[in-house]
Amino acid sequence: MNNMQNADDLGKLLLRLVLGILILLHGIAKIMAGPAYIIGVTVDAGLPAALGYLVYLGEVIAPILLIVGIWSRLAALIIAGNMAFAIFLVHGKQLLSLANTGGWALELQGMFLVTALALVLLGAGRFSLGGRGGRWN
């Protein structure tokens, strides 16, 4: 295996770990706080309350799959969908705003979303339990 392929696989690992760990921390916080806030946001948007529980799929299950490298493309797609819903339901008013520091008000959410989309396209790489092969990895 050449050094460029190793570097590509290491880059994919870094993306998977950073996105997975940071999103998982949000999921753990939501588990600790309980579902009330998420259910409230979902219902206020006119969506079924049960849909709010999908946040746990996007912020707990999918990040764990991404971290270990199983079904990584699917996990990243779920995280991307979760982030799109978060931007729409919670942060919509900030979409065209700048933060006090001059950066985009949604730079964290935007980075999570785009990193997840990159992983959908790139896959997990060699340094994963699922390996480089496989449709969803």
C-alpha atoms as a PDB file:
ATOM      1  CA  MET A   1       0.000   0.000   0.000  1.00  0.00           C
ATOM      2  CA  ASN A   2       1.424   3.368  -0.927  1.00  0.00           C
ATOM      3  CA  ASN A   3       1.823   6.345   1.371  1.00  0.00           C
ATOM      4  CA  MET A   4      -0.846   8.419  -0.397  1.00  0.00           C
ATOM      5  CA  GLN A   5      -3.472   5.742   0.221  1.00  0.00           C
ATOM      6  CA  ASN A   6      -2.421   5.560   3.870  1.00  0.00           C
ATOM      7  CA  ALA A   7      -2.726   9.343   4.117  1.00  0.00           C
ATOM      8  CA  ASP A   8      -6.199   9.233   2.524  1.00  0.00           C
ATOM      9  CA  ASP A   9      -7.313   6.536   4.948  1.00  0.00           C
ATOM     10  CA  LEU A  10      -5.871   8.447   7.901  1.00  0.00           C
ATOM     11  CA  GLY A  11      -7.728  11.576   6.761  1.00  0.00           C
ATOM     12  CA  LYS A  12     -10.994   9.622   6.615  1.00  0.00           C
ATOM     13  CA  LEU A  13     -10.332   8.250  10.090  1.00  0.00           C
ATOM     14  CA  LEU A  14      -9.765  11.759  11.449  1.00  0.00           C
ATOM     15  CA  LEU A  15     -12.982  13.026   9.867  1.00  0.00           C
ATOM     16  CA  ARG A  16     -14.941  10.048  11.214  1.00  0.00           C
ATOM     17  CA  LEU A  17     -13.551  10.367  14.738  1.00  0.00           C
ATOM     18  CA  VAL A  18     -13.954  14.128  15.045  1.00  0.00           C
ATOM     19  CA  LEU A  19     -17.482  14.190  13.663  1.00  0.00           C
ATOM     20  CA  GLY A  20     -18.544  11.056  15.528  1.00  0.00           C
ATOM     21  CA  ILE A  21     -17.172  12.122  18.905  1.00  0.00           C
ATOM     22  CA  LEU A  22     -18.451  15.701  18.732  1.00  0.00           C
ATOM     23  CA  ILE A  23     -21.943  14.674  17.633  1.00  0.00           C
ATOM     24  CA  LEU A  24     -22.019  11.868  20.215  1.00  0.00           C
ATOM     25  CA  LEU A  25     -21.308  14.409  22.961  1.00  0.00           C
ATOM     26  CA  HIS A  26     -24.428  16.306  21.862  1.00  0.00           C
ATOM     27  CA  GLY A  27     -26.361  13.041  21.949  1.00  0.00           C
ATOM     28  CA  ILE A  28     -25.172  12.194  25.449  1.00  0.00           C
ATOM     29  CA  ALA A  29     -26.252  15.650  26.613  1.00  0.00           C
ATOM     30  CA  LYS A  30     -29.690  15.045  25.100  1.00  0.00           C
ATOM     31  CA  ILE A  31     -29.964  11.670  26.823  1.00  0.00           C
ATOM     32  CA  MET A  32     -29.074  13.292  30.155  1.00  0.00           C
ATOM     33  CA  ALA A  33     -31.575  16.143  29.645  1.00  0.00           C
ATOM     34  CA  GLY A  34     -34.385  13.891  28.422  1.00  0.00           C
ATOM     35  CA  PRO A  35     -36.526  14.222  25.317  1.00  0.00           C
ATOM     36  CA  ALA A  36     -38.806  17.089  26.407  1.00  0.00           C
ATOM     37  CA  TYR A  37     -36.964  19.900  24.591  1.00  0.00           C
ATOM     38  CA  ILE A  38     -36.586  17.962  21.339  1.00  0.00           C
ATOM     39  CA  ILE A  39     -40.191  16.787  21.409  1.00  0.00           C
ATOM     40  CA  GLY A  40     -41.311  20.365  22.047  1.00  0.00           C
ATOM     41  CA  VAL A  41     -39.340  21.706  19.083  1.00  0.00           C
ATOM     42  CA  THR A  42     -40.711  18.948  16.860  1.00  0.00           C
ATOM     43  CA  VAL A  43     -44.323  19.520  17.886  1.00  0.00           C
ATOM     44  CA  ASP A  44     -43.967  23.326  17.622  1.00  0.00           C
ATOM     45  CA  ALA A  45     -42.872  22.821  14.008  1.00  0.00           C
ATOM     46  CA  GLY A  46     -46.076  20.886  13.334  1.00  0.00           C
ATOM     47  CA  LEU A  47     -44.335  17.509  13.114  1.00  0.00           C
ATOM     48  CA  PRO A  48     -45.334  14.341  14.965  1.00  0.00           C
ATOM     49  CA  ALA A  49     -43.820  14.102  18.442  1.00  0.00           C
ATOM     50  CA  ALA A  50     -42.426  10.633  17.700  1.00  0.00           C
ATOM     51  CA  LEU A  51     -40.191  12.170  15.025  1.00  0.00           C
ATOM     52  CA  GLY A  52     -38.285  13.955  17.791  1.00  0.00           C
ATOM     53  CA  TYR A  53     -36.914  10.652  19.039  1.00  0.00           C
ATOM     54  CA  LEU A  54     -34.977  10.265  15.786  1.00  0.00           C
ATOM     55  CA  VAL A  55     -32.482  12.764  17.213  1.00  0.00           C
ATOM     56  CA  TYR A  56     -31.131   9.876  19.270  1.00  0.00           C
ATOM     57  CA  LEU A  57     -30.526   7.902  16.085  1.00  0.00           C
ATOM     58  CA  GLY A  58     -28.669  10.858  14.582  1.00  0.00           C
ATOM     59  CA  GLU A  59     -26.742  11.869  17.690  1.00  0.00           C
ATOM     60  CA  VAL A  60     -26.073   8.555  19.451  1.00  0.00           C
ATOM     61  CA  ILE A  61     -26.373   5.504  17.187  1.00  0.00           C
ATOM     62  CA  ALA A  62     -25.017   7.013  13.951  1.00  0.00           C
ATOM     63  CA  PRO A  63     -21.967   8.611  15.635  1.00  0.00           C
ATOM     64  CA  ILE A  64     -21.061   5.318  17.296  1.00  0.00           C
ATOM     65  CA  LEU A  65     -21.281   3.549  13.927  1.00  0.00           C
ATOM     66  CA  LEU A  66     -19.132   6.285  12.406  1.00  0.00           C
ATOM     67  CA  ILE A  67     -16.499   6.118  15.138  1.00  0.00           C
ATOM     68  CA  VAL A  68     -16.019   2.371  14.786  1.00  0.00           C
ATOM     69  CA  GLY A  69     -16.413   2.442  11.020  1.00  0.00           C
ATOM     70  CA  ILE A  70     -19.433   0.253  10.371  1.00  0.00           C
ATOM     71  CA  TRP A  71     -22.006   1.410   7.797  1.00  0.00           C
ATOM     72  CA  SER A  72     -20.136   4.697   7.797  1.00  0.00           C
ATOM     73  CA  ARG A  73     -21.751   6.195   4.703  1.00  0.00           C
ATOM     74  CA  LEU A  74     -25.233   5.482   6.045  1.00  0.00           C
ATOM     75  CA  ALA A  75     -24.280   6.797   9.498  1.00  0.00           C
ATOM     76  CA  ALA A  76     -22.878   9.986   7.944  1.00  0.00           C
ATOM     77  CA  LEU A  77     -26.041  10.394   5.856  1.00  0.00           C
ATOM     78  CA  ILE A  78     -28.165  10.087   9.003  1.00  0.00           C
ATOM     79  CA  ILE A  79     -25.991  12.690  10.748  1.00  0.00           C
ATOM     80  CA  ALA A  80     -26.296  15.015   7.740  1.00  0.00           C
ATOM     81  CA  GLY A  81     -30.084  14.657   7.833  1.00  0.00           C
ATOM     82  CA  ASN A  82     -30.080  15.255  11.580  1.00  0.00           C
ATOM     83  CA  MET A  83     -28.043  18.428  11.099  1.00  0.00           C
ATOM     84  CA  ALA A  84     -30.349  19.659   8.318  1.00  0.00           C
ATOM     85  CA  PHE A  85     -33.322  19.210  10.647  1.00  0.00           C
ATOM     86  CA  ALA A  86     -31.450  20.925  13.502  1.00  0.00           C
ATOM     87  CA  ILE A  87     -30.648  23.895  11.278  1.00  0.00           C
ATOM     88  CA  PHE A  88     -34.235  24.082  10.045  1.00  0.00           C
ATOM     89  CA  LEU A  89     -36.024  23.530  13.361  1.00  0.00           C
ATOM     90  CA  VAL A  90     -33.730  25.180  15.899  1.00  0.00           C
ATOM     91  CA  HIS A  91     -31.337  27.509  14.097  1.00  0.00           C
ATOM     92  CA  GLY A  92     -33.360  28.737  11.118  1.00  0.00           C
ATOM     93  CA  LYS A  93     -33.362  32.359  12.269  1.00  0.00           C
ATOM     94  CA  GLN A  94     -29.558  32.339  12.367  1.00  0.00           C
ATOM     95  CA  LEU A  95     -29.108  30.994   8.833  1.00  0.00           C
ATOM     96  CA  LEU A  96     -28.041  34.331   7.345  1.00  0.00           C
ATOM     97  CA  SER A  97     -26.540  35.806  10.522  1.00  0.00           C
ATOM     98  CA  LEU A  98     -23.030  36.463  11.691  1.00  0.00           C
ATOM     99  CA  ALA A  99     -21.839  35.735  15.217  1.00  0.00           C
ATOM    100  CA  ASN A 100     -20.415  38.437  17.483  1.00  0.00           C
ATOM    101  CA  THR A 101     -16.934  37.269  16.482  1.00  0.00           C
ATOM    102  CA  GLY A 102     -17.654  37.873  12.789  1.00  0.00           C
ATOM    103  CA  GLY A 103     -17.998  34.250  11.708  1.00  0.00           C
ATOM    104  CA  TRP A 104     -21.175  32.634  10.439  1.00  0.00           C
ATOM    105  CA  ALA A 105     -23.591  32.078  13.327  1.00  0.00           C
ATOM    106  CA  LEU A 106     -24.058  28.471  12.209  1.00  0.00           C
ATOM    107  CA  GLU A 107     -20.456  27.618  11.472  1.00  0.00           C
ATOM    108  CA  LEU A 108     -20.461  24.633  13.858  1.00  0.00           C
ATOM    109  CA  GLN A 109     -23.683  23.221  12.438  1.00  0.00           C
ATOM    110  CA  GLY A 110     -22.464  23.929   8.909  1.00  0.00           C
ATOM    111  CA  MET A 111     -19.163  22.173   9.586  1.00  0.00           C
ATOM    112  CA  PHE A 112     -20.970  19.148  11.018  1.00  0.00           C
ATOM    113  CA  LEU A 113     -23.295  19.016   8.002  1.00  0.00           C
ATOM    114  CA  VAL A 114     -20.568  19.356   5.368  1.00  0.00           C
ATOM    115  CA  THR A 115     -18.211  16.941   7.149  1.00  0.00           C
ATOM    116  CA  ALA A 116     -21.010  14.366   7.243  1.00  0.00           C
ATOM    117  CA  LEU A 117     -21.680  14.887   3.523  1.00  0.00           C
ATOM    118  CA  ALA A 118     -17.962  14.503   2.775  1.00  0.00           C
ATOM    119  CA  LEU A 119     -17.955  11.181   4.640  1.00  0.00           C
ATOM    120  CA  VAL A 120     -21.000  10.027   2.672  1.00  0.00           C
ATOM    121  CA  LEU A 121     -18.913  10.568  -0.464  1.00  0.00           C
ATOM    122  CA  LEU A 122     -15.537   9.372   0.863  1.00  0.00           C
ATOM    123  CA  GLY A 123     -16.522   6.357   2.938  1.00  0.00           C
ATOM    124  CA  ALA A 124     -14.781   5.023   6.026  1.00  0.00           C
ATOM    125  CA  GLY A 125     -11.397   4.083   4.664  1.00  0.00           C
ATOM    126  CA  ARG A 126      -9.141   1.223   5.676  1.00  0.00           C
ATOM    127  CA  PHE A 127      -8.898   2.148   9.354  1.00  0.00           C
ATOM    128  CA  SER A 128     -12.420   0.989  10.220  1.00  0.00           C
ATOM    129  CA  LEU A 129     -14.106  -2.197  11.357  1.00  0.00           C
ATOM    130  CA  GLY A 130     -15.967  -2.363   8.058  1.00  0.00           C
ATOM    131  CA  GLY A 131     -12.834  -1.808   6.012  1.00  0.00           C
ATOM    132  CA  ARG A 132     -12.535   0.064   2.760  1.00  0.00           C
ATOM    133  CA  GLY A 133     -14.958  -2.171   0.862  1.00  0.00           C
ATOM    134  CA  GLY A 134     -18.680  -2.468   1.028  1.00  0.00           C
ATOM    135  CA  ARG A 135     -21.455  -0.324  -0.358  1.00  0.00           C
ATOM    136  CA  TRP A 136     -22.204   1.456   2.912  1.00  0.00           C
ATOM    137  CA  ASN A 137     -18.675   1.802   4.212  1.00  0.00           C
END
